[in-house]
Amino acid sequence: MNSPLLHRLTFSFALVAALLGAPAHAQSHNSNASTVSVVVSVMLPAAFVSEGGRYVVKGVEASADGTVYVLEKVGEGIRGSVTVGANVSGATSVGLGESVTFVSSASGTLLVASGKVLAIIPNALGRALLKSEKLS
């Protein structure tokens, strides 16, 4: 079940991710408390993403959809991009030339920069666990 098509579908349907390590803030009004979803759009072929693979940030660009990180695989020169949603507050800042890695977990793939999780690209199990709703 590790077919390239399955990997491509998993990454192309990455709809929602959670940002670990972001500070927690108490809400002053219950009506304003809500679960924030982080949209991650990944335009990476399955061959580009490898467990423990090292990548260098070659470009960072702000867009209406979020922050676009252009990554280059170390030693291979293959490039891809990751868009982290605009509604991420407290996101880890990643600059040009910094190193990032992809780490597999049971619920998806983590994009790690400077020892902190920048984004989670959920697999089928991860997508089933994600939920966003307004709390009353």
Foldseek 3Di string as FASTA:
>chain_A
DPDQVLVVVLQQPQAWKDFPPADDDDDPDLQPDWDDTKGKGWDDRPVQADAFWKWFFADWDQDQQAIKTWIATPPPRDITIMGIGNPDPRADDDDGGFMWHWHADPFAIFIDTPNGTRIGRGGPNNVVPDDIDGGD
